[in-house]
Amino acid sequence: MILRPSYIDAIKPFIGRSQIKIITGIRRSGKSTVLKLIKNELLELNIKSEQIIALNFDSLALDNISEASKLYEYIRNKINQEQKFYLLLDEIQEVQNWEKAINSFLVDFNVDIYLTGSNSHLLSSELATYLAGRYVEFPIYTLSYKEFRDFRQHYFTNSTQINNTFENYLRMGGFPIIHTVDYSEESTYKVVYDIYSSVILRDTIQRFKIREIELLDRVIKYVFDNVGNTFSGKNIADYFKSQNRKLDINTIYNYLHALEGSFILYRVPRYDLKGKEILKTQEKFYVSDVSIIYATLGNRDRMISGILENIVFLELKRRGYAVFVGKLGSSEIDFVAEKRGAKIYVQVAYKLENEETVNREFGNLLSINDQYPKYVVTLDERWQESIEGIQHLTVPEFLLSESY
């Protein structure tokens, strides 16, 4: 088991504190591994193993603990009131009315609670009702480029197997399981498609009671095919109309909401840099891992700019930034990223192939009148010039940089 220090370092200050620790993310992104790493941290702090109760509700062995009252009874019978206990509960959303049990644990016992969940709306809505102000959330993403390199180095021995180049990361994505075994590209997409299918079925269709599965699939493919492009629900409805299919705009937004909830998609709103306000139309959507696009749509080299945007977006989210698409007059800034009062601007392009592209990518950033860092990020390996303080980095350099 390889460490993912950025997550553990974020959680460590909250160990032993009263807040419930909520670990969220798409299935197979590594939430269970983070729980195991937390257990190791507890043991290193001289917490006795019998004080740690770890349960994974994806396991059939726990199928009889399917509702809050049964979970409460199970934990109550394990707890000694004279000691503090540490509850590590994996995929808690599989327990019906789980939030009632968690609330009772806080009231009745001396416990430190860690939960994981694979549906953001489920957690946010129910926690807001029962546990407001008493929890802190830690989003888990698939592997960063740095983590991908660490995984390949850790699990493989010869140089052919290691293959920790950016091109390999671009093609195979960051699901941890992919980089613990030497999968071919074809096998990778089979594994990823199986993960995706499980998420769609369990965390989207079943959780949100979606009946028109074929229409959902069409909406998903439209969004995947337009990664990096701004669009609205009306754009999707018009597309369906052109295909002689009718789909209500409210239904489209319900589908997008469900896909966000299961961490398939991330919605990125537009931000008007002059008006200082978030706009409600023409958003962008990015996918939780680019391998899902390849696994569902096949080769998408024509989408390379959008794929690169997707990778940069996920890196910004991993680093804790709130991310927006910037609007400046008629120009678009790919990413305006904010964190604790700091801000960066990022333009992403495939290559700076001609003067027009250079003028567009750098020109958009030059028109912003502030002193925050600005980056143009591309796959050009030789074009390293920076212009008037705007840094040019290759995508791998940006992903590995510690300067932002």
Protein backbone atom coordinates (compact mmCIF):
# COMPACT_ATOMS: atom_id res chain seq x y z
CA MET A 1 0.00 0.00 0.00
CA ILE A 2 1.48 3.32 -1.11
CA LEU A 3 0.99 6.52 0.86
CA ARG A 4 -1.04 9.45 -0.47
CA PRO A 5 0.49 12.06 1.82
CA SER A 6 -1.48 15.11 0.67
CA TYR A 7 -4.72 13.56 1.94
CA ILE A 8 -3.29 12.14 5.14
CA ASP A 9 -1.57 15.45 5.93
CA ALA A 10 -4.90 17.26 5.50
CA ILE A 11 -6.74 14.83 7.80
CA LYS A 12 -4.07 14.52 10.53
CA PRO A 13 -4.90 17.81 12.33
CA PHE A 14 -8.47 16.54 12.84
CA ILE A 15 -7.59 13.15 14.35
CA GLY A 16 -9.13 12.90 17.80
CA ARG A 17 -11.17 16.08 17.26
CA SER A 18 -14.94 16.21 17.62
CA GLN A 19 -15.69 16.87 13.95
CA ILE A 20 -16.82 13.93 11.83
CA LYS A 21 -14.35 13.39 9.02
CA ILE A 22 -16.16 12.85 5.68
CA ILE A 23 -14.05 11.40 2.83
CA THR A 24 -15.83 11.70 -0.53
CA GLY A 25 -15.08 10.82 -4.13
CA ILE A 26 -15.93 8.59 -7.06
CA ARG A 27 -15.77 4.84 -6.46
CA ARG A 28 -12.28 3.33 -6.74
CA SER A 29 -10.56 6.69 -6.33
CA GLY A 30 -8.82 5.46 -3.18
CA LYS A 31 -11.17 6.35 -0.30
CA SER A 32 -10.85 2.90 1.31
CA THR A 33 -7.07 3.12 1.10
CA VAL A 34 -7.15 6.50 2.83
CA LEU A 35 -9.20 4.91 5.64
CA LYS A 36 -6.57 2.19 5.98
CA LEU A 37 -3.87 4.84 6.14
CA ILE A 38 -5.84 6.63 8.87
CA LYS A 39 -6.03 3.36 10.80
CA ASN A 40 -2.24 3.06 10.54
CA GLU A 41 -1.91 6.64 11.86
CA LEU A 42 -4.12 5.76 14.82
CA LEU A 43 -2.03 2.68 15.61
CA GLU A 44 1.14 4.79 15.46
CA LEU A 45 -0.48 7.11 18.00
CA ASN A 46 -0.68 4.08 20.34
CA ILE A 47 -4.43 3.66 19.90
CA LYS A 48 -5.19 0.00 20.62
CA SER A 49 -6.53 -2.01 17.70
CA GLU A 50 -9.58 -3.08 19.73
CA GLN A 51 -10.56 0.61 20.00
CA ILE A 52 -10.77 0.87 16.20
CA ILE A 53 -13.93 -0.35 14.50
CA ALA A 54 -13.56 -0.48 10.70
CA LEU A 55 -16.52 -1.51 8.53
CA ASN A 56 -16.92 -1.55 4.74
CA PHE A 57 -20.59 -1.54 3.77
CA ASP A 58 -19.81 -2.64 0.21
CA SER A 59 -19.07 -6.06 1.70
CA LEU A 60 -21.79 -8.73 1.70
CA ALA A 61 -20.56 -9.71 5.14
CA LEU A 62 -22.30 -6.57 6.43
CA ASP A 63 -25.46 -7.02 4.40
CA ASN A 64 -27.41 -7.55 7.64
CA ILE A 65 -26.45 -4.03 8.83
CA SER A 66 -28.55 -2.26 6.24
CA GLU A 67 -30.32 0.35 8.37
CA ALA A 68 -29.50 2.84 11.13
CA SER A 69 -30.96 0.89 14.06
CA LYS A 70 -28.96 -2.24 13.20
CA LEU A 71 -25.77 -0.22 12.78
CA TYR A 72 -26.36 1.44 16.15
CA GLU A 73 -26.88 -1.90 17.88
CA TYR A 74 -23.78 -3.39 16.25
CA ILE A 75 -21.55 -0.50 17.35
CA ARG A 76 -23.13 -0.28 20.81
CA ASN A 77 -22.25 -3.91 21.46
CA LYS A 78 -18.63 -3.28 20.44
CA ILE A 79 -18.04 -0.17 22.53
CA ASN A 80 -16.68 0.03 26.05
CA GLN A 81 -17.87 3.27 27.63
CA GLU A 82 -14.62 3.66 29.57
CA GLN A 83 -12.54 4.15 26.41
CA LYS A 84 -12.61 6.33 23.32
CA PHE A 85 -13.42 4.43 20.13
CA TYR A 86 -12.57 5.25 16.53
CA LEU A 87 -15.18 4.43 13.90
CA LEU A 88 -14.01 4.01 10.29
CA LEU A 89 -17.14 3.44 8.21
CA ASP A 90 -16.63 2.90 4.47
CA GLU A 91 -19.41 3.66 1.92
CA ILE A 92 -21.80 4.72 4.67
CA GLN A 93 -24.54 5.66 2.18
CA GLU A 94 -25.33 1.95 1.81
CA VAL A 95 -26.91 2.07 5.29
CA GLN A 96 -30.46 3.40 5.22
CA ASN A 97 -30.90 6.51 7.40
CA TRP A 98 -27.24 6.23 8.41
CA GLU A 99 -27.12 9.86 9.54
CA LYS A 100 -29.44 9.07 12.48
CA ALA A 101 -27.03 6.42 13.75
CA ILE A 102 -24.04 8.75 13.39
CA ASN A 103 -25.87 11.47 15.30
CA SER A 104 -26.66 8.99 18.10
CA PHE A 105 -23.02 7.85 18.30
CA LEU A 106 -22.01 11.47 18.95
CA VAL A 107 -24.63 11.84 21.66
CA ASP A 108 -24.22 8.50 23.42
CA PHE A 109 -20.54 7.52 23.13
CA ASN A 110 -17.00 8.87 23.22
CA VAL A 111 -16.11 8.38 19.56
CA ASP A 112 -13.98 9.78 16.76
CA ILE A 113 -15.77 9.16 13.45
CA TYR A 114 -14.45 8.80 9.88
CA LEU A 115 -16.86 8.16 7.00
CA THR A 116 -16.52 7.64 3.28
CA GLY A 117 -19.24 8.10 0.68
CA SER A 118 -19.62 7.92 -3.09
CA ASN A 119 -22.46 10.39 -3.51
CA SER A 120 -21.95 14.06 -2.78
CA HIS A 121 -25.61 15.09 -2.68
CA LEU A 122 -26.51 12.28 -0.32
CA LEU A 123 -23.86 13.36 2.12
CA SER A 124 -24.35 17.09 1.86
CA SER A 125 -28.14 17.09 2.17
CA GLU A 126 -28.41 14.65 5.05
CA LEU A 127 -25.41 15.96 6.94
CA ALA A 128 -26.78 19.48 6.67
CA THR A 129 -29.98 18.28 8.35
CA TYR A 130 -28.59 16.15 11.18
CA LEU A 131 -24.96 17.12 11.65
CA ALA A 132 -24.71 20.78 10.68
CA GLY A 133 -21.46 22.33 11.80
CA ARG A 134 -20.06 19.07 13.13
CA TYR A 135 -18.27 17.65 10.12
CA VAL A 136 -15.42 18.45 7.75
CA GLU A 137 -15.19 17.07 4.22
CA PHE A 138 -12.09 15.80 2.42
CA PRO A 139 -12.60 15.19 -1.32
CA ILE A 140 -10.50 12.36 -2.81
CA TYR A 141 -9.59 12.43 -6.49
CA THR A 142 -8.01 9.86 -8.76
CA LEU A 143 -4.21 9.95 -8.95
CA SER A 144 -2.42 13.17 -9.76
CA TYR A 145 0.41 13.01 -12.26
CA LYS A 146 2.91 12.99 -9.37
CA GLU A 147 1.03 10.18 -7.63
CA PHE A 148 0.81 8.27 -10.91
CA ARG A 149 4.61 8.45 -11.24
CA ASP A 150 5.03 7.31 -7.62
CA PHE A 151 2.65 4.39 -8.16
CA ARG A 152 4.39 3.21 -11.34
CA GLN A 153 7.77 3.45 -9.64
CA HIS A 154 6.52 1.56 -6.59
CA TYR A 155 4.67 -1.31 -8.25
CA PHE A 156 6.92 -2.07 -11.25
CA THR A 157 10.55 -3.03 -11.55
CA ASN A 158 11.71 -2.77 -15.16
CA SER A 159 11.72 0.41 -17.23
CA THR A 160 9.21 -0.90 -19.77
CA GLN A 161 6.61 -1.58 -17.10
CA ILE A 162 7.24 1.65 -15.20
CA ASN A 163 6.31 3.82 -18.22
CA ASN A 164 5.51 6.84 -16.09
CA THR A 165 5.48 9.29 -18.99
CA PHE A 166 2.83 11.97 -19.28
CA GLU A 167 1.54 10.34 -22.48
CA ASN A 168 0.79 7.17 -20.50
CA TYR A 169 -1.00 9.22 -17.82
CA LEU A 170 -2.94 11.06 -20.52
CA ARG A 171 -4.13 7.79 -22.04
CA MET A 172 -4.70 5.68 -18.94
CA GLY A 173 -5.89 8.23 -16.41
CA GLY A 174 -5.53 8.06 -12.65
CA PHE A 175 -7.67 5.30 -11.17
CA PRO A 176 -5.23 3.76 -8.66
CA ILE A 177 -6.03 0.14 -9.55
CA ILE A 178 -4.85 0.71 -13.13
CA HIS A 179 -1.34 1.51 -11.94
CA THR A 180 -0.85 -1.40 -9.57
CA VAL A 181 -0.91 -3.96 -12.42
CA ASP A 182 0.68 -3.77 -15.87
CA TYR A 183 -2.53 -3.37 -17.86
CA SER A 184 -2.57 -2.90 -21.61
CA GLU A 185 -4.50 0.10 -22.94
CA GLU A 186 -7.38 -2.17 -23.98
CA SER A 187 -7.53 -3.83 -20.55
CA THR A 188 -7.33 -0.43 -18.87
CA TYR A 189 -10.45 0.79 -20.63
CA LYS A 190 -12.27 -2.44 -19.79
CA VAL A 191 -11.52 -1.96 -16.07
CA VAL A 192 -12.42 1.73 -16.20
CA TYR A 193 -15.66 1.01 -18.06
CA ASP A 194 -16.63 -1.50 -15.37
CA ILE A 195 -15.97 1.14 -12.67
CA TYR A 196 -17.98 3.69 -14.64
CA SER A 197 -20.88 1.26 -15.15
CA SER A 198 -20.99 0.51 -11.43
CA VAL A 199 -21.08 4.21 -10.58
CA ILE A 200 -23.81 4.89 -13.14
CA LEU A 201 -25.95 2.02 -11.88
CA ARG A 202 -25.49 2.32 -8.11
CA ASP A 203 -24.79 5.99 -7.52
CA THR A 204 -26.79 7.56 -10.35
CA ILE A 205 -29.64 5.41 -11.69
CA GLN A 206 -30.59 3.66 -8.45
CA ARG A 207 -29.83 6.55 -6.11
CA PHE A 208 -31.76 9.12 -8.13
CA LYS A 209 -34.42 6.69 -9.43
CA ILE A 210 -33.75 7.43 -13.10
CA ARG A 211 -36.01 5.50 -15.46
CA GLU A 212 -35.01 6.71 -18.94
CA ILE A 213 -31.58 5.06 -18.95
CA GLU A 214 -31.08 5.36 -22.70
CA LEU A 215 -31.69 9.13 -22.53
CA LEU A 216 -29.30 9.44 -19.59
CA ASP A 217 -26.66 7.66 -21.64
CA ARG A 218 -27.16 10.10 -24.51
CA VAL A 219 -26.81 13.09 -22.18
CA ILE A 220 -23.62 11.63 -20.74
CA LYS A 221 -22.11 11.12 -24.20
CA TYR A 222 -23.02 14.68 -25.19
CA VAL A 223 -21.29 16.08 -22.10
CA PHE A 224 -18.22 13.87 -22.54
CA ASP A 225 -17.98 14.88 -26.18
CA ASN A 226 -18.05 18.57 -25.18
CA VAL A 227 -15.49 18.57 -22.37
CA GLY A 228 -13.80 21.95 -22.43
CA ASN A 229 -16.73 23.66 -24.18
CA THR A 230 -19.30 25.92 -22.54
CA PHE A 231 -22.91 24.84 -22.98
CA SER A 232 -26.28 24.93 -21.27
CA GLY A 233 -29.22 22.61 -20.79
CA LYS A 234 -30.86 24.31 -23.76
CA ASN A 235 -27.89 23.37 -25.96
CA ILE A 236 -28.41 19.72 -25.02
CA ALA A 237 -32.18 19.97 -25.60
CA ASP A 238 -31.57 21.53 -29.03
CA TYR A 239 -29.16 18.72 -29.87
CA PHE A 240 -31.78 16.12 -28.97
CA LYS A 241 -34.34 18.02 -31.04
CA SER A 242 -31.99 17.87 -34.05
CA GLN A 243 -31.90 14.09 -33.52
CA ASN A 244 -35.72 13.99 -33.51
CA ARG A 245 -35.77 13.29 -29.78
CA LYS A 246 -37.53 15.46 -27.22
CA LEU A 247 -36.05 15.93 -23.76
CA ASP A 248 -37.29 18.45 -21.22
CA ILE A 249 -34.66 20.95 -19.98
CA ASN A 250 -35.56 20.25 -16.34
CA THR A 251 -34.91 16.55 -16.94
CA ILE A 252 -31.53 17.40 -18.44
CA TYR A 253 -30.56 19.43 -15.39
CA ASN A 254 -31.78 16.63 -13.12
CA TYR A 255 -29.51 14.20 -14.98
CA LEU A 256 -26.54 16.57 -14.72
CA HIS A 257 -27.28 17.03 -11.01
CA ALA A 258 -27.28 13.24 -10.52
CA LEU A 259 -24.00 12.86 -12.43
CA GLU A 260 -22.41 15.52 -10.24
CA GLY A 261 -23.72 13.70 -7.19
CA SER A 262 -22.00 10.47 -8.17
CA PHE A 263 -18.74 12.34 -8.95
CA ILE A 264 -18.86 11.45 -12.65
CA LEU A 265 -18.95 15.16 -13.50
CA TYR A 266 -17.78 18.42 -11.99
CA ARG A 267 -19.66 21.60 -12.87
CA VAL A 268 -17.55 24.75 -13.34
CA PRO A 269 -19.48 28.05 -13.36
CA ARG A 270 -18.43 31.12 -15.31
CA TYR A 271 -17.21 34.18 -13.44
CA ASP A 272 -17.43 37.71 -14.84
CA LEU A 273 -14.09 39.30 -14.01
CA LYS A 274 -15.43 42.83 -14.56
CA GLY A 275 -18.79 42.46 -12.86
CA LYS A 276 -17.34 40.29 -10.06
CA GLU A 277 -20.26 37.88 -10.20
CA ILE A 278 -20.92 34.24 -10.99
CA LEU A 279 -22.93 33.77 -14.19
CA LYS A 280 -25.75 31.25 -14.38
CA THR A 281 -25.47 30.22 -18.03
CA GLN A 282 -22.98 28.49 -20.32
CA GLU A 283 -21.06 26.50 -17.74
CA LYS A 284 -18.40 23.87 -18.36
CA PHE A 285 -18.38 20.30 -17.15
CA TYR A 286 -15.31 18.15 -16.56
CA VAL A 287 -15.05 14.41 -15.95
CA SER A 288 -13.65 12.90 -12.74
CA ASP A 289 -10.99 11.03 -14.73
CA VAL A 290 -10.14 11.36 -18.43
CA SER A 291 -9.89 7.58 -18.81
CA ILE A 292 -13.69 7.47 -18.50
CA ILE A 293 -13.97 9.47 -21.74
CA TYR A 294 -11.73 7.03 -23.61
CA ALA A 295 -13.46 4.00 -22.08
CA THR A 296 -16.92 5.19 -23.13
CA LEU A 297 -16.30 7.07 -26.39
CA GLY A 298 -13.11 5.47 -27.73
CA ASN A 299 -10.19 7.42 -29.17
CA ARG A 300 -10.76 11.16 -28.90
CA ASP A 301 -7.55 12.76 -30.20
CA ARG A 302 -9.61 15.56 -31.76
CA MET A 303 -10.61 16.49 -28.19
CA ILE A 304 -7.03 16.85 -26.98
CA SER A 305 -7.43 20.49 -25.87
CA GLY A 306 -10.50 19.62 -23.79
CA ILE A 307 -8.77 16.55 -22.33
CA LEU A 308 -5.79 18.66 -21.28
CA GLU A 309 -8.13 21.22 -19.72
CA ASN A 310 -9.78 18.38 -17.80
CA ILE A 311 -6.43 17.21 -16.42
CA VAL A 312 -5.41 20.74 -15.37
CA PHE A 313 -8.82 21.33 -13.78
CA LEU A 314 -8.51 18.20 -11.62
CA GLU A 315 -5.03 19.24 -10.49
CA LEU A 316 -6.35 22.62 -9.37
CA LYS A 317 -9.14 20.90 -7.44
CA ARG A 318 -6.66 18.50 -5.80
CA ARG A 319 -4.73 21.50 -4.57
CA GLY A 320 -7.80 22.96 -2.92
CA TYR A 321 -8.69 25.72 -5.37
CA ALA A 322 -12.21 26.92 -6.10
CA VAL A 323 -12.24 26.93 -9.90
CA PHE A 324 -14.21 29.10 -12.33
CA VAL A 325 -14.24 29.79 -16.05
CA GLY A 326 -13.37 33.47 -16.47
CA LYS A 327 -15.33 35.86 -18.69
CA LEU A 328 -13.61 39.10 -19.64
CA GLY A 329 -15.67 40.96 -22.22
CA SER A 330 -15.85 38.65 -25.21
CA SER A 331 -12.76 36.69 -24.11
CA GLU A 332 -12.62 33.54 -22.04
CA ILE A 333 -10.05 32.62 -19.40
CA ASP A 334 -9.97 28.83 -19.07
CA PHE A 335 -9.50 28.85 -15.30
CA VAL A 336 -9.69 31.43 -12.55
CA ALA A 337 -8.60 29.54 -9.43
CA GLU A 338 -8.91 30.95 -5.91
CA LYS A 339 -7.66 29.66 -2.55
CA ARG A 340 -7.45 31.49 0.79
CA GLY A 341 -7.36 34.93 -0.82
CA ALA A 342 -4.80 33.93 -3.46
CA LYS A 343 -5.63 33.62 -7.14
CA ILE A 344 -4.11 32.27 -10.34
CA TYR A 345 -5.19 32.40 -13.98
CA VAL A 346 -4.54 29.52 -16.36
CA GLN A 347 -4.93 29.18 -20.12
CA VAL A 348 -4.65 25.64 -21.53
CA ALA A 349 -3.94 24.82 -25.19
CA TYR A 350 -2.65 21.85 -27.13
CA LYS A 351 0.20 23.69 -28.84
CA LEU A 352 1.20 27.25 -29.68
CA GLU A 353 1.26 26.41 -33.36
CA ASN A 354 1.11 29.89 -34.85
CA GLU A 355 1.11 33.59 -34.00
CA GLU A 356 -2.68 33.71 -33.82
CA THR A 357 -2.74 31.02 -31.10
CA VAL A 358 0.06 32.75 -29.15
CA ASN A 359 -1.77 36.09 -29.33
CA ARG A 360 -5.03 34.51 -28.18
CA GLU A 361 -3.67 32.51 -25.24
CA PHE A 362 -1.31 35.19 -23.93
CA GLY A 363 -3.53 38.11 -25.00
CA ASN A 364 -6.47 36.98 -22.90
CA LEU A 365 -4.25 36.94 -19.80
CA LEU A 366 -2.50 40.22 -20.66
CA SER A 367 -5.88 41.95 -20.60
CA ILE A 368 -6.29 41.15 -16.87
CA ASN A 369 -5.09 44.10 -14.82
CA ASP A 370 -3.86 42.56 -11.58
CA GLN A 371 -0.65 41.08 -10.23
CA TYR A 372 -1.78 37.50 -9.59
CA PRO A 373 0.24 34.71 -11.30
CA LYS A 374 -0.77 33.85 -14.85
CA TYR A 375 0.11 30.71 -16.79
CA VAL A 376 -0.19 29.43 -20.34
CA VAL A 377 0.00 25.63 -20.23
CA THR A 378 0.54 23.55 -23.39
CA LEU A 379 2.19 20.39 -24.69
CA ASP A 380 4.92 22.33 -26.55
CA GLU A 381 8.28 21.05 -25.39
CA ARG A 382 10.54 23.63 -27.01
CA TRP A 383 8.42 26.78 -26.86
CA GLN A 384 9.44 27.99 -23.39
CA GLU A 385 9.15 31.76 -23.77
CA SER A 386 7.26 33.77 -21.19
CA ILE A 387 5.65 37.08 -22.18
CA GLU A 388 5.36 40.11 -19.88
CA GLY A 389 5.42 37.99 -16.74
CA ILE A 390 2.99 35.37 -18.02
CA GLN A 391 4.71 32.01 -17.56
CA HIS A 392 4.61 29.32 -20.21
CA LEU A 393 4.82 25.76 -18.86
CA THR A 394 4.33 22.36 -20.41
CA VAL A 395 1.39 20.42 -18.95
CA PRO A 396 3.70 17.98 -17.07
CA GLU A 397 5.68 20.91 -15.63
CA PHE A 398 2.50 22.58 -14.44
CA LEU A 399 1.21 19.36 -12.85
CA LEU A 400 4.47 18.82 -10.98
CA SER A 401 5.12 22.45 -10.06
CA GLU A 402 5.15 23.44 -6.38
CA SER A 403 4.98 27.18 -7.11
CA TYR A 404 1.19 27.61 -7.01
